[in-house]
Amino acid sequence: MSIEDGIAVITLDRPDKLNAFTTTMENELIEAFDATDANDAVRAVILTGAGRAFCAGADLSSGAETFSEWSAESNGNDANGVDLRRDGGGRVVLRMFDSLKPIIAAINGPAVGVGITMTLAADFRLAADDARMGFVFNRRGLVPESCSSWLLPKLVPLQRALDWIYSGRIFTAAEAFSAGLVYRLHSREDLLGEATALAHSLTRDTAPVSVALSRQMVWRMLGVEHPMVAHRVESIGINARGAQADVREGIAAFLEKREAVFPDRCSDAMPDLFSSHLPRPRW
């Protein structure tokens, strides 16, 4: 991970293996998002891949036994108390879901399996115009993972999500853009620079705590049953932020026609908007 001018870049770095996903990568990604949340100097995060691929999916170097080996690596129980290994991509996505900083996935090349599903918890997906993607699980005898059965139908029309999932076919970045899965397309050479520019545009003039709260509010409201839940959370948020220094600074800067310098930080000024209204499951 590198950090420059408030933007952290997390790079999947197994280019000789097309950045295939491993348990080590799973744990390192969770640690990286822990680090970006803890660092008040970081305002946004870019997730990208080294070399010509973003991520070719799970590392299948163990061959046909890749997933049968999971029974020896359990780290949780199912609802009936049966020992089983939790989906590693799902653990990463749940950590991303809880991020205090906006996340931009810069999909620089092929992204299949967990390589595309892990990006669904990003706030924006930018893609190289020659990238190809695929939710290939059914073609491997598997099922969707990384919380994609919950996330994907919220990002694209249901029938398009079902087409991609059922068929497991590989599709182009242009199709992903047309369906709304990808926010913008860029040349491979320009992709990281464009992602960085987007990250700065999201954070340059905004209060870090407000961005963090807004991110969590929008993502968490995706699953609630009634807008009254949003109304309650927003009311708590307005009251809590109204008593903090950022609001006084933001209004003063507006009236004085100057740029605001927001003093509050995510590390020590995050009000709790959710505990009384929404469960906060841990990844």
Protein backbone atom coordinates (compact mmCIF):
# COMPACT_ATOMS: atom_id res chain seq x y z
CA MET A 1 0.00 0.00 0.00
CA SER A 2 1.17 3.51 -0.80
CA ILE A 3 -0.21 6.83 0.45
CA GLU A 4 0.24 10.14 -1.32
CA ASP A 5 -1.62 13.41 -0.86
CA GLY A 6 -4.34 11.78 1.20
CA ILE A 7 -5.04 8.92 -1.23
CA ALA A 8 -4.10 5.34 -0.34
CA VAL A 9 -3.50 2.89 -3.18
CA ILE A 10 -3.88 -0.79 -2.30
CA THR A 11 -2.39 -2.96 -5.04
CA LEU A 12 -3.06 -6.67 -5.54
CA ASP A 13 0.52 -7.70 -6.15
CA ARG A 14 0.89 -11.19 -7.65
CA PRO A 15 1.29 -10.14 -11.27
CA ASP A 16 2.88 -13.44 -12.31
CA LYS A 17 -0.33 -15.17 -11.14
CA LEU A 18 -2.64 -12.47 -12.52
CA ASN A 19 -3.18 -11.43 -8.90
CA ALA A 20 -5.09 -14.61 -8.10
CA PHE A 21 -6.76 -14.44 -4.69
CA THR A 22 -5.26 -16.37 -1.76
CA THR A 23 -5.83 -16.59 1.98
CA THR A 24 -2.75 -14.42 2.44
CA MET A 25 -4.26 -11.77 0.14
CA GLU A 26 -7.55 -12.01 2.04
CA ASN A 27 -5.86 -11.29 5.36
CA GLU A 28 -3.61 -8.57 3.96
CA LEU A 29 -6.56 -6.75 2.38
CA ILE A 30 -8.43 -6.74 5.68
CA GLU A 31 -5.31 -5.42 7.41
CA ALA A 32 -4.92 -2.74 4.73
CA PHE A 33 -8.47 -1.45 5.21
CA ASP A 34 -7.93 -1.50 8.98
CA ALA A 35 -4.87 0.69 8.37
CA THR A 36 -6.62 3.17 6.08
CA ASP A 37 -9.48 3.59 8.54
CA ALA A 38 -7.04 4.21 11.40
CA ASN A 39 -5.03 6.81 9.48
CA ASP A 40 -6.63 10.25 9.53
CA ALA A 41 -4.30 11.36 6.73
CA VAL A 42 -6.06 8.98 4.34
CA ARG A 43 -9.17 10.47 2.75
CA ALA A 44 -9.93 7.84 0.08
CA VAL A 45 -8.72 4.43 -1.05
CA ILE A 46 -8.01 3.08 -4.54
CA LEU A 47 -7.90 -0.69 -5.06
CA THR A 48 -6.10 -1.87 -8.20
CA GLY A 49 -3.96 -4.69 -9.56
CA ALA A 50 -0.30 -4.99 -10.53
CA GLY A 51 0.58 -5.96 -14.07
CA ARG A 52 -1.93 -6.71 -16.80
CA ALA A 53 -4.77 -8.10 -14.63
CA PHE A 54 -6.87 -6.82 -11.78
CA CYS A 55 -7.56 -10.27 -10.34
CA ALA A 56 -8.05 -13.61 -12.10
CA GLY A 57 -10.19 -15.00 -9.28
CA ALA A 58 -9.30 -17.57 -6.66
CA ASP A 59 -5.90 -19.22 -6.87
CA LEU A 60 -6.64 -22.69 -8.26
CA SER A 61 -3.10 -24.03 -7.95
CA SER A 62 -4.41 -26.85 -5.73
CA GLY A 63 -6.49 -28.06 -8.64
CA ALA A 64 -9.76 -29.91 -8.13
CA GLU A 65 -9.19 -30.02 -4.36
CA THR A 66 -9.05 -26.22 -3.99
CA PHE A 67 -12.41 -25.87 -2.27
CA SER A 68 -12.62 -29.28 -0.63
CA GLU A 69 -9.59 -28.18 1.41
CA TRP A 70 -11.74 -25.54 3.10
CA SER A 71 -12.98 -28.08 5.63
CA ALA A 72 -9.48 -28.09 7.12
CA GLU A 73 -9.40 -24.28 7.41
CA SER A 74 -12.61 -23.54 9.30
CA ASN A 75 -12.99 -20.19 11.03
CA GLY A 76 -16.65 -20.14 11.98
CA ASN A 77 -19.88 -22.10 12.44
CA ASP A 78 -23.07 -22.11 10.44
CA ALA A 79 -26.52 -21.58 11.98
CA ASN A 80 -26.58 -25.22 13.08
CA GLY A 81 -23.18 -25.05 14.74
CA VAL A 82 -21.45 -26.94 11.94
CA ASP A 83 -17.79 -26.04 11.56
CA LEU A 84 -17.10 -24.42 8.19
CA ARG A 85 -14.72 -21.99 6.60
CA ARG A 86 -16.12 -18.53 5.93
CA ASP A 87 -15.83 -17.23 2.39
CA GLY A 88 -12.59 -15.22 2.24
CA GLY A 89 -13.82 -12.79 -0.39
CA GLY A 90 -16.89 -12.20 1.76
CA ARG A 91 -14.72 -11.31 4.74
CA VAL A 92 -12.88 -8.74 2.59
CA VAL A 93 -16.13 -7.29 1.22
CA LEU A 94 -17.66 -7.01 4.69
CA ARG A 95 -14.55 -5.11 5.82
CA MET A 96 -14.84 -2.84 2.79
CA PHE A 97 -18.54 -2.30 3.57
CA ASP A 98 -17.51 -0.92 6.99
CA SER A 99 -14.83 1.39 5.55
CA LEU A 100 -14.80 4.98 6.77
CA LYS A 101 -13.12 6.13 3.57
CA PRO A 102 -14.56 6.10 0.01
CA ILE A 103 -13.24 3.22 -2.08
CA ILE A 104 -12.56 3.34 -5.82
CA ALA A 105 -11.81 0.11 -7.65
CA ALA A 106 -9.51 0.77 -10.62
CA ILE A 107 -10.06 -2.39 -12.65
CA ASN A 108 -6.96 -2.38 -14.82
CA GLY A 109 -7.50 -5.71 -16.57
CA PRO A 110 -9.29 -9.06 -16.31
CA ALA A 111 -11.48 -9.35 -13.23
CA VAL A 112 -13.29 -12.66 -12.79
CA GLY A 113 -14.76 -14.56 -9.86
CA VAL A 114 -13.68 -12.94 -6.62
CA GLY A 115 -11.75 -10.52 -8.82
CA ILE A 116 -15.01 -8.83 -9.77
CA THR A 117 -17.14 -9.60 -6.71
CA MET A 118 -14.69 -7.94 -4.31
CA THR A 119 -15.16 -4.68 -6.22
CA LEU A 120 -18.91 -4.60 -5.56
CA ALA A 121 -18.30 -3.05 -2.13
CA ALA A 122 -16.37 -0.17 -3.70
CA ASP A 123 -18.20 3.12 -4.08
CA PHE A 124 -17.02 3.50 -7.66
CA ARG A 125 -15.65 1.10 -10.24
CA LEU A 126 -13.51 2.56 -13.00
CA ALA A 127 -12.30 0.11 -15.62
CA ALA A 128 -9.78 -0.07 -18.42
CA ASP A 129 -11.74 -0.03 -21.65
CA ASP A 130 -10.25 -3.37 -22.68
CA ALA A 131 -10.93 -5.12 -19.35
CA ARG A 132 -13.10 -8.23 -19.26
CA MET A 133 -15.15 -9.49 -16.33
CA GLY A 134 -17.13 -12.54 -15.32
CA PHE A 135 -19.14 -14.01 -12.45
CA VAL A 136 -17.90 -17.45 -13.44
CA PHE A 137 -18.96 -19.49 -10.39
CA ASN A 138 -21.67 -21.63 -12.01
CA ARG A 139 -19.17 -22.69 -14.68
CA ARG A 140 -16.95 -24.06 -11.91
CA GLY A 141 -19.77 -25.81 -10.04
CA LEU A 142 -19.74 -23.10 -7.37
CA VAL A 143 -22.17 -20.36 -6.33
CA PRO A 144 -21.75 -16.58 -6.04
CA GLU A 145 -19.60 -15.34 -3.13
CA SER A 146 -18.19 -12.14 -1.61
CA CYS A 147 -21.76 -11.08 -0.72
CA SER A 148 -22.41 -10.67 -4.45
CA SER A 149 -25.88 -12.24 -4.27
CA TRP A 150 -26.84 -9.25 -2.09
CA LEU A 151 -24.75 -6.55 -3.75
CA LEU A 152 -24.97 -7.19 -7.49
CA PRO A 153 -28.78 -6.88 -7.85
CA LYS A 154 -28.54 -3.53 -6.06
CA LEU A 155 -26.03 -2.24 -8.61
CA VAL A 156 -27.47 -3.46 -11.92
CA PRO A 157 -30.95 -4.49 -13.14
CA LEU A 158 -32.00 -7.88 -11.78
CA GLN A 159 -32.24 -9.61 -15.15
CA ARG A 160 -28.73 -8.47 -16.09
CA ALA A 161 -27.39 -9.73 -12.76
CA LEU A 162 -29.09 -13.08 -13.31
CA ASP A 163 -27.75 -13.32 -16.87
CA TRP A 164 -24.20 -12.80 -15.65
CA ILE A 165 -24.57 -15.16 -12.66
CA TYR A 166 -26.47 -18.01 -14.31
CA SER A 167 -24.38 -18.12 -17.48
CA GLY A 168 -21.03 -17.37 -15.88
CA ARG A 169 -20.05 -15.78 -19.19
CA ILE A 170 -17.19 -13.34 -19.67
CA PHE A 171 -18.33 -9.87 -20.69
CA THR A 172 -16.64 -6.66 -21.75
CA ALA A 173 -16.03 -3.48 -19.79
CA ALA A 174 -18.33 -1.74 -22.26
CA GLU A 175 -21.20 -4.06 -21.28
CA ALA A 176 -20.43 -3.50 -17.59
CA PHE A 177 -20.52 0.26 -18.19
CA SER A 178 -23.79 0.04 -20.11
CA ALA A 179 -25.40 -1.90 -17.25
CA GLY A 180 -24.17 0.57 -14.62
CA LEU A 181 -21.71 -1.78 -12.93
CA VAL A 182 -18.81 0.43 -14.02
CA TYR A 183 -18.93 4.18 -13.43
CA ARG A 184 -16.46 5.21 -16.14
CA LEU A 185 -14.16 3.66 -18.73
CA HIS A 186 -10.62 4.87 -19.39
CA SER A 187 -7.59 3.71 -21.27
CA ARG A 188 -5.39 1.38 -19.25
CA GLU A 189 -2.66 4.05 -19.21
CA ASP A 190 -4.97 6.74 -17.80
CA LEU A 191 -6.92 4.59 -15.35
CA LEU A 192 -4.98 5.14 -12.13
CA GLY A 193 -4.62 8.86 -12.75
CA GLU A 194 -8.36 9.17 -13.37
CA ALA A 195 -9.09 7.19 -10.20
CA THR A 196 -6.82 9.51 -8.24
CA ALA A 197 -8.52 12.58 -9.71
CA LEU A 198 -11.92 11.17 -8.75
CA ALA A 199 -10.70 10.46 -5.22
CA HIS A 200 -9.52 14.06 -4.83
CA SER A 201 -12.80 15.42 -6.20
CA LEU A 202 -14.74 13.47 -3.57
CA THR A 203 -12.64 14.60 -0.63
CA ARG A 204 -10.98 17.92 -1.39
CA ASP A 205 -13.74 20.20 -0.05
CA THR A 206 -15.57 17.86 2.32
CA ALA A 207 -15.43 17.03 6.02
CA PRO A 208 -13.82 13.62 6.65
CA VAL A 209 -16.29 12.64 9.38
CA SER A 210 -19.27 13.66 7.25
CA VAL A 211 -17.98 11.65 4.30
CA ALA A 212 -17.47 8.61 6.53
CA LEU A 213 -20.95 8.89 8.02
CA SER A 214 -22.54 9.53 4.62
CA ARG A 215 -20.84 6.45 3.20
CA GLN A 216 -22.12 4.24 6.00
CA MET A 217 -25.60 5.76 5.87
CA VAL A 218 -26.05 5.15 2.14
CA TRP A 219 -24.69 1.60 2.21
CA ARG A 220 -26.64 0.59 5.32
CA MET A 221 -29.91 2.02 4.04
CA LEU A 222 -29.81 -0.38 1.08
CA GLY A 223 -31.32 -3.13 3.19
CA VAL A 224 -33.81 -1.40 5.48
CA GLU A 225 -37.53 -2.02 5.23
CA HIS A 226 -38.89 1.56 5.40
CA PRO A 227 -37.66 5.14 4.85
CA MET A 228 -38.54 5.85 8.49
CA VAL A 229 -35.30 4.05 9.42
CA ALA A 230 -33.39 6.48 7.23
CA HIS A 231 -35.28 9.41 8.74
CA ARG A 232 -34.32 8.36 12.25
CA VAL A 233 -30.67 7.79 11.39
CA GLU A 234 -30.46 11.08 9.48
CA SER A 235 -32.08 12.95 12.39
CA ILE A 236 -29.50 11.50 14.79
CA GLY A 237 -26.78 12.45 12.34
CA ILE A 238 -27.90 16.04 11.88
CA ASN A 239 -28.21 16.55 15.63
CA ALA A 240 -24.85 14.91 16.36
CA ARG A 241 -22.94 16.75 13.65
CA GLY A 242 -24.67 20.03 14.47
CA ALA A 243 -23.02 19.97 17.88
CA GLN A 244 -19.53 19.36 16.47
CA ALA A 245 -16.89 21.80 15.30
CA ASP A 246 -17.07 20.88 11.61
CA VAL A 247 -20.51 22.41 11.15
CA ARG A 248 -19.50 25.72 12.71
CA GLU A 249 -16.42 25.80 10.47
CA GLY A 250 -18.37 24.81 7.36
CA ILE A 251 -20.97 27.53 7.82
CA ALA A 252 -18.38 30.17 8.74
CA ALA A 253 -16.31 29.32 5.66
CA PHE A 254 -19.39 29.61 3.44
CA LEU A 255 -20.37 33.00 4.87
CA GLU A 256 -16.79 34.28 4.71
CA LYS A 257 -16.33 32.96 1.16
CA ARG A 258 -13.23 30.92 1.97
CA GLU A 259 -12.26 27.27 1.95
CA ALA A 260 -13.24 25.34 5.05
CA VAL A 261 -10.62 23.70 7.25
CA PHE A 262 -12.55 20.96 9.03
CA PRO A 263 -11.09 20.06 12.45
CA ASP A 264 -12.95 16.84 13.29
CA ARG A 265 -11.27 13.50 12.57
CA CYS A 266 -12.64 10.00 12.07
CA SER A 267 -10.35 8.59 14.76
CA ASP A 268 -12.04 10.45 17.61
CA ALA A 269 -15.13 12.35 16.38
CA MET A 270 -17.39 9.70 14.81
CA PRO A 271 -20.85 9.80 16.39
CA ASP A 272 -22.79 6.53 16.60
CA LEU A 273 -25.81 6.81 14.31
CA PHE A 274 -26.69 3.17 14.02
CA SER A 275 -26.59 1.12 17.20
CA SER A 276 -30.17 1.83 18.23
CA HIS A 277 -31.65 1.33 14.76
CA LEU A 278 -29.49 -1.03 12.76
CA PRO A 279 -27.46 -4.13 13.58
CA ARG A 280 -23.76 -3.64 13.00
CA PRO A 281 -22.42 -7.09 12.19
CA ARG A 282 -18.68 -7.48 12.15
CA TRP A 283 -16.84 -8.94 9.20
